[in-house]
Amino acid sequence: MDKKYEIILYGATGFTGQICCKYIRDNYPDLLWAIGGRNKEKLQQIKSDFNLNCDVVVADGADIDALKLMTSQTKVVLSTAGPFARYGSLLVQACVEEGSHYTDITGENHWVKGLIDKHHEEAASKGIRIIPSCGYDSIPSDIGAFFTISQFDKPVSRVDVYHEAQGGASGGTTETIFTMDGVGKEMRDPFVLNPKDTISDEQRENSKDGFKVEKVDGLEGWSGVGVMAVANTRVVRRSAALMEQNQKPYGNNFTFGEHGLFSSKRNARLASIGLLIGFIILSTPIKRLVRPFLPKPGEGPSQETQDNGWFRATFIALSEDNEKKICSIYGSGDPGYKSTAKLVCESAMALARSDNLPGGSEYGGVLTSAVGLGEVLVDRLKNAEIEFKVLT
């Protein structure tokens, strides 16, 4: 694809978009790129404030013609413009029609399901990679499972991930929560993102949502609710199904689970109960009462909170013959923002500059980070100081 730009960062004026601007400026000064959005003045201000060596491209998320003009000029679109169900659908359509790869930071599986239904076949036929969920949702879970399974030379039957993190929340995340009214029963399906006819009875039986407070064998800690398990598990299961379709199966009847990891039984119980209460509030009209007390769009954690944040994901895997391995991923920086910016920028760079992506240059579709970026992204993240370790 011979395009004017390698990457257009769409949504550059938002909280996470600004962090991405600074990450690209500081790490890829030779990148041919532009920042995009609907407000030219705000974009020009960001370019000036951050001293960016890039162009400005204006396109409203509701204007398909402007979006097609924008996407026709770039090899990759990196979008931070959420909520994606509100602002992202026409942008992805434009990417598929104009031949631009795409990545974003969404955790909105109901929206991703729509992308699969609408665009997977056409993107696959054109060799266009549409890879949503490349921030903290869901790269640590998805690429971490991929990395862990790659340590075996035999089929793997199950992987469980245990997450720990410290960070803050932004108004963009809050706004996303408030756009998810009416998300139907279908979205509670643990295999909602899977292709048809890729689920066995055994997989369905061993993939039910839920949690247990119990000591984790092999780790110093107790399991509890995984904050984003409902989003991340669906992505990893899609990866497993696509890998099997590509003749690179994780294992026969492979299953995946996600959990929080806590320092004590008491902390696991308290945190899990608190999170469940929060989920209940946010799934009922009561959430309207708490909205005024939450961050507003454009607001987010302080620089100190971003700098002091971190995440760790620890994976326990069992092969089909019961060999056990434990691996981990660790990243410094607030997971939802500073680390998310690093993860999605490196994903975009992999799409823009790598000529050895999984499946070859003709492979495409609505993919996952593990399937569409794979080892190329693992190497980029290692170079970006994300630690991948084999513990046992």
Protein backbone atom coordinates (compact mmCIF):
# COMPACT_ATOMS: atom_id res chain seq x y z
CA MET A 1 0.00 0.00 0.00
CA ASP A 2 1.63 3.19 -1.24
CA LYS A 3 0.24 5.89 1.04
CA LYS A 4 1.23 9.42 2.07
CA TYR A 5 1.36 8.55 5.76
CA GLU A 6 2.45 5.51 7.70
CA ILE A 7 0.02 6.24 10.56
CA ILE A 8 -2.85 8.63 11.21
CA LEU A 9 -3.65 8.96 14.90
CA TYR A 10 -7.40 9.60 15.04
CA GLY A 11 -8.77 11.09 18.26
CA ALA A 12 -5.52 12.88 19.05
CA THR A 13 -7.16 15.56 21.20
CA GLY A 14 -8.59 13.07 23.72
CA PHE A 15 -6.84 12.10 26.95
CA THR A 16 -5.28 8.86 25.67
CA GLY A 17 -4.76 10.35 22.21
CA GLN A 18 -2.53 13.05 23.67
CA ILE A 19 -0.42 10.44 25.47
CA CYS A 20 -0.06 8.59 22.15
CA CYS A 21 1.08 11.83 20.49
CA LYS A 22 3.86 12.22 23.01
CA TYR A 23 4.85 8.55 22.74
CA ILE A 24 5.21 8.75 18.95
CA ARG A 25 7.06 12.09 19.18
CA ASP A 26 9.55 10.72 21.71
CA ASN A 27 10.12 7.29 20.14
CA TYR A 28 9.58 7.62 16.39
CA PRO A 29 10.76 11.06 15.24
CA ASP A 30 11.15 9.80 11.65
CA LEU A 31 7.55 8.57 11.36
CA LEU A 32 5.46 9.92 8.49
CA TRP A 33 2.24 10.61 10.35
CA ALA A 34 -0.71 12.88 10.92
CA ILE A 35 -3.14 13.55 13.71
CA GLY A 36 -6.83 13.44 12.91
CA GLY A 37 -10.16 14.38 14.42
CA ARG A 38 -13.18 16.60 13.88
CA ASN A 39 -11.88 19.90 15.33
CA LYS A 40 -9.08 21.54 13.33
CA GLU A 41 -8.35 24.20 15.96
CA LYS A 42 -7.91 21.65 18.76
CA LEU A 43 -5.72 19.49 16.56
CA GLN A 44 -3.52 22.46 15.63
CA GLN A 45 -3.27 23.32 19.33
CA ILE A 46 -2.11 19.80 20.20
CA LYS A 47 0.45 19.92 17.40
CA SER A 48 1.77 23.24 18.71
CA ASP A 49 1.66 22.39 22.41
CA PHE A 50 3.53 19.11 21.96
CA ASN A 51 5.84 20.33 19.19
CA LEU A 52 4.77 17.51 16.87
CA ASN A 53 6.37 16.90 13.48
CA CYS A 54 3.17 15.78 11.78
CA ASP A 55 0.30 16.94 9.59
CA VAL A 56 -3.27 17.66 10.66
CA VAL A 57 -6.20 15.92 8.96
CA VAL A 58 -9.81 16.87 9.72
CA ALA A 59 -12.60 14.28 9.49
CA ASP A 60 -15.78 13.99 11.53
CA GLY A 61 -16.60 10.47 12.69
CA ALA A 62 -20.08 10.82 11.19
CA ASP A 63 -18.86 11.92 7.73
CA ILE A 64 -18.06 8.82 5.69
CA ASP A 65 -16.71 10.79 2.73
CA ALA A 66 -14.27 12.73 4.91
CA LEU A 67 -13.23 9.50 6.65
CA LYS A 68 -12.64 7.76 3.31
CA LEU A 69 -10.51 10.68 2.12
CA MET A 70 -8.49 10.48 5.33
CA THR A 71 -8.02 6.71 5.36
CA SER A 72 -7.07 6.65 1.68
CA GLN A 73 -3.92 8.59 2.61
CA THR A 74 -2.53 6.28 5.29
CA LYS A 75 -1.23 2.76 5.69
CA VAL A 76 -2.57 2.50 9.27
CA VAL A 77 -5.24 4.23 11.34
CA LEU A 78 -4.69 4.24 15.10
CA SER A 79 -7.90 5.31 16.80
CA THR A 80 -8.30 6.46 20.40
CA ALA A 81 -11.67 8.10 19.68
CA GLY A 82 -14.11 6.33 21.96
CA PRO A 83 -16.72 5.34 22.83
CA PHE A 84 -16.08 3.29 19.72
CA ALA A 85 -19.67 2.16 19.32
CA ARG A 86 -20.50 5.85 18.94
CA TYR A 87 -17.53 7.14 16.93
CA GLY A 88 -15.78 4.18 15.34
CA SER A 89 -18.11 2.30 13.01
CA LEU A 90 -17.83 4.50 9.93
CA LEU A 91 -14.08 4.88 10.49
CA VAL A 92 -13.57 1.11 10.28
CA GLN A 93 -15.83 0.96 7.23
CA ALA A 94 -13.67 3.62 5.57
CA CYS A 95 -10.49 1.69 6.41
CA VAL A 96 -11.83 -1.50 4.83
CA GLU A 97 -13.07 0.32 1.72
CA GLU A 98 -9.89 2.38 1.26
CA GLY A 99 -7.33 -0.30 2.15
CA SER A 100 -5.98 0.93 5.47
CA HIS A 101 -5.06 -1.28 8.42
CA TYR A 102 -6.69 -0.31 11.70
CA THR A 103 -6.07 -0.64 15.43
CA ASP A 104 -7.64 0.87 18.55
CA ILE A 105 -8.03 0.61 22.33
CA THR A 106 -11.64 -0.50 22.64
CA GLY A 107 -12.96 -2.92 25.24
CA GLU A 108 -16.46 -2.82 23.70
CA ASN A 109 -16.97 -6.41 22.60
CA HIS A 110 -20.54 -5.74 21.48
CA TRP A 111 -19.13 -3.28 18.95
CA VAL A 112 -16.32 -5.63 17.87
CA LYS A 113 -18.93 -8.34 17.27
CA GLY A 114 -20.60 -5.94 14.83
CA LEU A 115 -17.29 -5.32 13.05
CA ILE A 116 -16.77 -9.05 12.61
CA ASP A 117 -20.25 -9.52 11.17
CA LYS A 118 -19.96 -6.53 8.80
CA HIS A 119 -16.33 -6.47 7.74
CA HIS A 120 -14.39 -9.68 8.44
CA GLU A 121 -14.95 -11.32 5.07
CA GLU A 122 -14.23 -8.20 3.00
CA ALA A 123 -11.15 -7.29 5.05
CA ALA A 124 -9.89 -10.87 4.71
CA SER A 125 -10.38 -10.80 0.94
CA LYS A 126 -8.39 -7.55 0.70
CA GLY A 127 -5.60 -8.42 3.12
CA ILE A 128 -6.65 -5.59 5.45
CA ARG A 129 -5.97 -6.14 9.17
CA ILE A 130 -8.62 -4.69 11.46
CA ILE A 131 -7.24 -5.25 14.97
CA PRO A 132 -9.31 -3.70 17.77
CA SER A 133 -8.60 -4.02 21.51
CA CYS A 134 -4.87 -3.24 21.39
CA GLY A 135 -4.61 -1.32 24.67
CA TYR A 136 -4.63 -2.71 28.19
CA ASP A 137 -7.81 -4.33 26.89
CA SER A 138 -6.79 -6.83 25.66
CA ILE A 139 -3.09 -7.09 24.77
CA PRO A 140 -1.71 -8.31 28.13
CA SER A 141 -4.24 -11.16 28.21
CA ASP A 142 -4.10 -11.96 24.49
CA ILE A 143 -0.40 -11.54 23.71
CA GLY A 144 0.47 -12.95 27.13
CA ALA A 145 -1.48 -16.14 26.41
CA PHE A 146 0.16 -16.32 22.98
CA PHE A 147 3.63 -15.89 24.50
CA THR A 148 2.97 -18.48 27.21
CA ILE A 149 1.67 -21.07 24.75
CA SER A 150 4.71 -20.45 22.52
CA GLN A 151 6.92 -21.76 25.34
CA PHE A 152 5.52 -25.26 24.76
CA ASP A 153 6.32 -27.57 21.88
CA LYS A 154 3.10 -29.49 22.47
CA PRO A 155 -0.65 -28.78 22.63
CA VAL A 156 -1.88 -26.71 25.57
CA SER A 157 -5.18 -27.53 27.22
CA ARG A 158 -5.71 -24.47 29.44
CA VAL A 159 -4.29 -21.07 30.38
CA ASP A 160 -5.38 -18.96 33.35
CA VAL A 161 -4.19 -15.37 33.78
CA TYR A 162 -4.04 -13.51 37.09
CA HIS A 163 -3.98 -9.70 36.84
CA GLU A 164 -2.58 -7.10 39.22
CA ALA A 165 -2.52 -3.38 38.42
CA GLN A 166 -2.30 0.12 39.83
CA GLY A 167 -3.62 3.17 37.99
CA GLY A 168 -6.45 5.67 37.49
CA ALA A 169 -9.58 6.26 35.43
CA SER A 170 -10.47 8.79 32.76
CA GLY A 171 -13.64 10.43 31.53
CA GLY A 172 -13.39 8.51 28.27
CA THR A 173 -13.69 5.21 30.10
CA THR A 174 -16.62 6.59 32.08
CA GLU A 175 -18.36 7.73 28.90
CA THR A 176 -17.90 4.29 27.36
CA ILE A 177 -19.66 2.68 30.32
CA PHE A 178 -22.61 5.01 29.88
CA THR A 179 -22.98 4.14 26.19
CA MET A 180 -23.45 0.43 26.87
CA ASP A 181 -27.12 0.59 27.87
CA GLY A 182 -29.16 -2.20 26.38
CA VAL A 183 -26.23 -4.49 25.53
CA GLY A 184 -28.09 -7.75 25.07
CA LYS A 185 -27.89 -11.26 26.39
CA GLU A 186 -25.79 -12.29 23.38
CA MET A 187 -22.87 -10.26 24.75
CA ARG A 188 -22.80 -12.44 27.86
CA ASP A 189 -21.89 -15.40 25.66
CA PRO A 190 -18.28 -16.37 26.55
CA PHE A 191 -17.71 -17.10 22.84
CA VAL A 192 -19.47 -14.07 21.37
CA LEU A 193 -16.45 -13.18 19.16
CA ASN A 194 -15.80 -16.70 17.92
CA PRO A 195 -16.45 -17.74 14.32
CA LYS A 196 -19.41 -20.07 13.92
CA ASP A 197 -18.94 -23.75 14.69
CA THR A 198 -15.64 -23.33 16.55
CA ILE A 199 -16.83 -24.24 20.06
CA SER A 200 -16.98 -27.70 21.58
CA ASP A 201 -19.27 -28.75 24.43
CA GLU A 202 -16.19 -29.21 26.61
CA GLN A 203 -14.97 -25.68 25.90
CA ARG A 204 -18.36 -24.20 26.71
CA GLU A 205 -18.59 -26.15 29.95
CA ASN A 206 -15.13 -24.95 31.09
CA SER A 207 -15.48 -21.30 30.01
CA LYS A 208 -18.32 -19.98 32.12
CA ASP A 209 -18.01 -16.52 33.64
CA GLY A 210 -17.55 -16.40 37.39
CA PHE A 211 -14.88 -16.30 40.07
CA LYS A 212 -13.59 -18.06 43.14
CA VAL A 213 -11.70 -16.67 46.11
CA GLU A 214 -8.98 -19.26 46.61
CA LYS A 215 -5.24 -19.64 47.04
CA VAL A 216 -3.52 -19.84 43.67
CA ASP A 217 -1.25 -22.84 43.41
CA GLY A 218 2.17 -21.68 42.26
CA LEU A 219 1.66 -17.97 43.02
CA GLU A 220 1.85 -15.80 46.13
CA GLY A 221 -1.74 -14.65 46.22
CA TRP A 222 -5.45 -15.29 46.11
CA SER A 223 -7.79 -15.20 43.13
CA GLY A 224 -10.84 -12.97 42.81
CA VAL A 225 -12.84 -11.04 40.23
CA GLY A 226 -10.95 -10.03 37.10
CA VAL A 227 -11.96 -6.44 36.40
CA MET A 228 -11.96 -6.77 32.61
CA ALA A 229 -12.30 -10.55 32.35
CA VAL A 230 -15.60 -10.37 30.47
CA ALA A 231 -13.91 -8.33 27.72
CA ASN A 232 -10.51 -10.00 27.59
CA THR A 233 -11.57 -13.65 27.70
CA ARG A 234 -13.68 -13.23 24.56
CA VAL A 235 -10.69 -11.81 22.68
CA VAL A 236 -8.38 -14.67 23.69
CA ARG A 237 -11.01 -17.22 22.71
CA ARG A 238 -11.30 -15.60 19.27
CA SER A 239 -7.52 -15.83 18.97
CA ALA A 240 -7.62 -19.54 19.77
CA ALA A 241 -10.37 -20.16 17.22
CA LEU A 242 -8.60 -18.21 14.46
CA MET A 243 -5.31 -19.96 15.26
CA GLU A 244 -7.04 -23.29 14.82
CA GLN A 245 -8.50 -22.15 11.49
CA ASN A 246 -4.96 -21.15 10.46
CA GLN A 247 -3.65 -24.64 11.31
CA LYS A 248 -1.76 -23.31 14.34
CA PRO A 249 -4.03 -24.52 17.16
CA TYR A 250 -3.28 -23.73 20.78
CA GLY A 251 -4.57 -27.17 21.72
CA ASN A 252 -7.54 -29.51 21.42
CA ASN A 253 -10.49 -28.03 23.35
CA PHE A 254 -8.27 -25.19 24.61
CA THR A 255 -9.82 -23.08 27.38
CA PHE A 256 -8.88 -19.77 28.98
CA GLY A 257 -9.78 -18.07 32.25
CA GLU A 258 -9.02 -14.63 33.71
CA HIS A 259 -8.89 -13.57 37.35
CA GLY A 260 -7.71 -10.84 39.67
CA LEU A 261 -4.76 -11.60 41.96
CA PHE A 262 -4.74 -10.27 45.53
CA SER A 263 -2.26 -10.40 48.39
CA SER A 264 -4.60 -12.03 50.91
CA LYS A 265 -7.90 -13.87 51.15
CA ARG A 266 -9.44 -10.86 52.87
CA ASN A 267 -8.31 -8.46 50.13
CA ALA A 268 -9.58 -10.81 47.44
CA ARG A 269 -13.01 -10.96 49.09
CA LEU A 270 -13.28 -7.23 49.73
CA ALA A 271 -12.10 -6.26 46.25
CA SER A 272 -14.34 -8.80 44.55
CA ILE A 273 -17.41 -7.73 46.53
CA GLY A 274 -16.65 -4.08 45.83
CA LEU A 275 -16.23 -4.73 42.11
CA LEU A 276 -19.44 -6.74 41.95
CA ILE A 277 -21.34 -3.92 43.64
CA GLY A 278 -19.80 -1.50 41.13
CA PHE A 279 -20.83 -3.73 38.20
CA ILE A 280 -24.38 -3.94 39.56
CA ILE A 281 -24.61 -0.17 39.93
CA LEU A 282 -23.28 0.39 36.42
CA SER A 283 -25.73 -2.09 34.93
CA THR A 284 -28.81 -0.40 36.39
CA PRO A 285 -30.37 3.09 36.22
CA ILE A 286 -28.62 3.83 39.54
CA LYS A 287 -25.51 4.67 37.52
CA ARG A 288 -27.11 7.98 36.53
CA LEU A 289 -26.86 9.05 40.17
CA VAL A 290 -23.11 8.39 40.38
CA ARG A 291 -22.20 9.85 36.98
CA PRO A 292 -21.69 13.44 38.24
CA PHE A 293 -18.99 12.18 40.60
CA LEU A 294 -16.98 10.40 37.89
CA PRO A 295 -14.36 11.90 35.54
CA LYS A 296 -15.71 13.73 32.50
CA PRO A 297 -14.54 13.26 28.89
CA GLY A 298 -11.07 14.74 28.48
CA GLU A 299 -10.21 14.27 32.15
CA GLY A 300 -7.92 11.56 33.46
CA PRO A 301 -5.34 10.55 36.03
CA SER A 302 -2.55 12.94 36.99
CA GLN A 303 0.94 12.61 35.55
CA GLU A 304 2.10 11.27 38.91
CA THR A 305 -0.58 8.57 38.86
CA GLN A 306 0.35 7.69 35.28
CA ASP A 307 4.04 7.45 36.11
CA ASN A 308 3.56 5.44 39.30
CA GLY A 309 1.11 2.98 37.78
CA TRP A 310 1.97 -0.53 36.63
CA PHE A 311 0.46 -3.84 35.56
CA ARG A 312 1.45 -7.46 35.88
CA ALA A 313 -0.26 -10.45 34.26
CA THR A 314 0.84 -13.92 35.38
CA PHE A 315 -0.11 -16.95 33.30
CA ILE A 316 -0.40 -20.55 34.47
CA ALA A 317 -0.59 -22.97 31.58
CA LEU A 318 -1.13 -26.73 31.40
CA SER A 319 -0.27 -28.85 28.40
CA GLU A 320 -2.46 -31.73 27.37
CA ASP A 321 -0.07 -34.10 29.15
CA ASN A 322 -0.18 -31.89 32.30
CA GLU A 323 3.18 -30.13 32.02
CA LYS A 324 2.87 -26.78 33.81
CA LYS A 325 4.52 -23.48 32.92
CA ILE A 326 4.20 -20.06 34.55
CA CYS A 327 4.96 -16.88 32.58
CA SER A 328 4.38 -13.19 33.18
CA ILE A 329 4.18 -9.79 31.53
CA TYR A 330 5.02 -6.62 33.43
CA GLY A 331 4.76 -2.99 32.36
CA SER A 332 5.44 0.23 34.23
CA GLY A 333 3.05 3.14 33.80
CA ASP A 334 -0.67 3.48 34.49
CA PRO A 335 -2.22 0.51 32.63
CA GLY A 336 -5.30 2.25 31.28
CA TYR A 337 -3.47 5.24 29.82
CA LYS A 338 0.33 5.38 29.79
CA SER A 339 0.75 1.65 29.17
CA THR A 340 -2.26 1.56 26.85
CA ALA A 341 -0.67 4.28 24.71
CA LYS A 342 2.56 2.29 24.46
CA LEU A 343 0.71 -0.93 23.60
CA VAL A 344 -1.46 0.55 20.86
CA CYS A 345 1.32 2.68 19.36
CA GLU A 346 3.58 -0.35 19.09
CA SER A 347 0.70 -2.28 17.51
CA ALA A 348 0.28 0.47 14.93
CA MET A 349 4.01 0.53 14.29
CA ALA A 350 3.98 -3.22 13.73
CA LEU A 351 1.26 -2.78 11.11
CA ALA A 352 3.03 0.17 9.51
CA ARG A 353 6.58 -1.12 9.33
CA SER A 354 6.69 -4.91 9.61
CA ASP A 355 6.90 -7.04 6.49
CA ASN A 356 6.82 -10.35 8.36
CA LEU A 357 3.43 -10.24 10.06
CA PRO A 358 1.69 -13.58 10.72
CA GLY A 359 -0.03 -15.05 7.70
CA GLY A 360 1.89 -13.00 5.17
CA SER A 361 1.04 -9.79 3.34
CA GLU A 362 -2.27 -11.09 1.94
CA TYR A 363 -3.74 -12.11 5.30
CA GLY A 364 -6.51 -9.98 6.79
CA GLY A 365 -9.84 -9.79 8.56
CA VAL A 366 -11.13 -8.57 11.90
CA LEU A 367 -8.31 -10.09 13.93
CA THR A 368 -6.76 -10.04 17.40
CA SER A 369 -3.32 -8.91 18.48
CA ALA A 370 -2.14 -12.51 18.86
CA VAL A 371 -3.35 -13.59 15.42
CA GLY A 372 -2.68 -10.41 13.45
CA LEU A 373 0.58 -9.26 15.08
CA GLY A 374 1.92 -12.21 17.06
CA GLU A 375 5.66 -12.55 17.57
CA VAL A 376 6.32 -9.25 15.78
CA LEU A 377 4.43 -7.41 18.52
CA VAL A 378 6.06 -9.45 21.30
CA ASP A 379 9.48 -8.32 20.02
CA ARG A 380 8.38 -4.69 19.72
CA LEU A 381 6.97 -4.68 23.24
CA LYS A 382 10.15 -6.20 24.64
CA ASN A 383 12.12 -3.41 22.96
CA ALA A 384 9.67 -0.93 24.50
CA GLU A 385 10.50 -2.24 28.00
CA ILE A 386 7.49 -4.48 28.50
CA GLU A 387 8.95 -7.47 30.36
CA PHE A 388 8.08 -10.99 29.23
CA LYS A 389 9.35 -13.69 31.59
CA VAL A 390 9.21 -17.47 31.86
CA LEU A 391 9.02 -18.07 35.61
CA THR A 392 8.91 -21.87 35.66
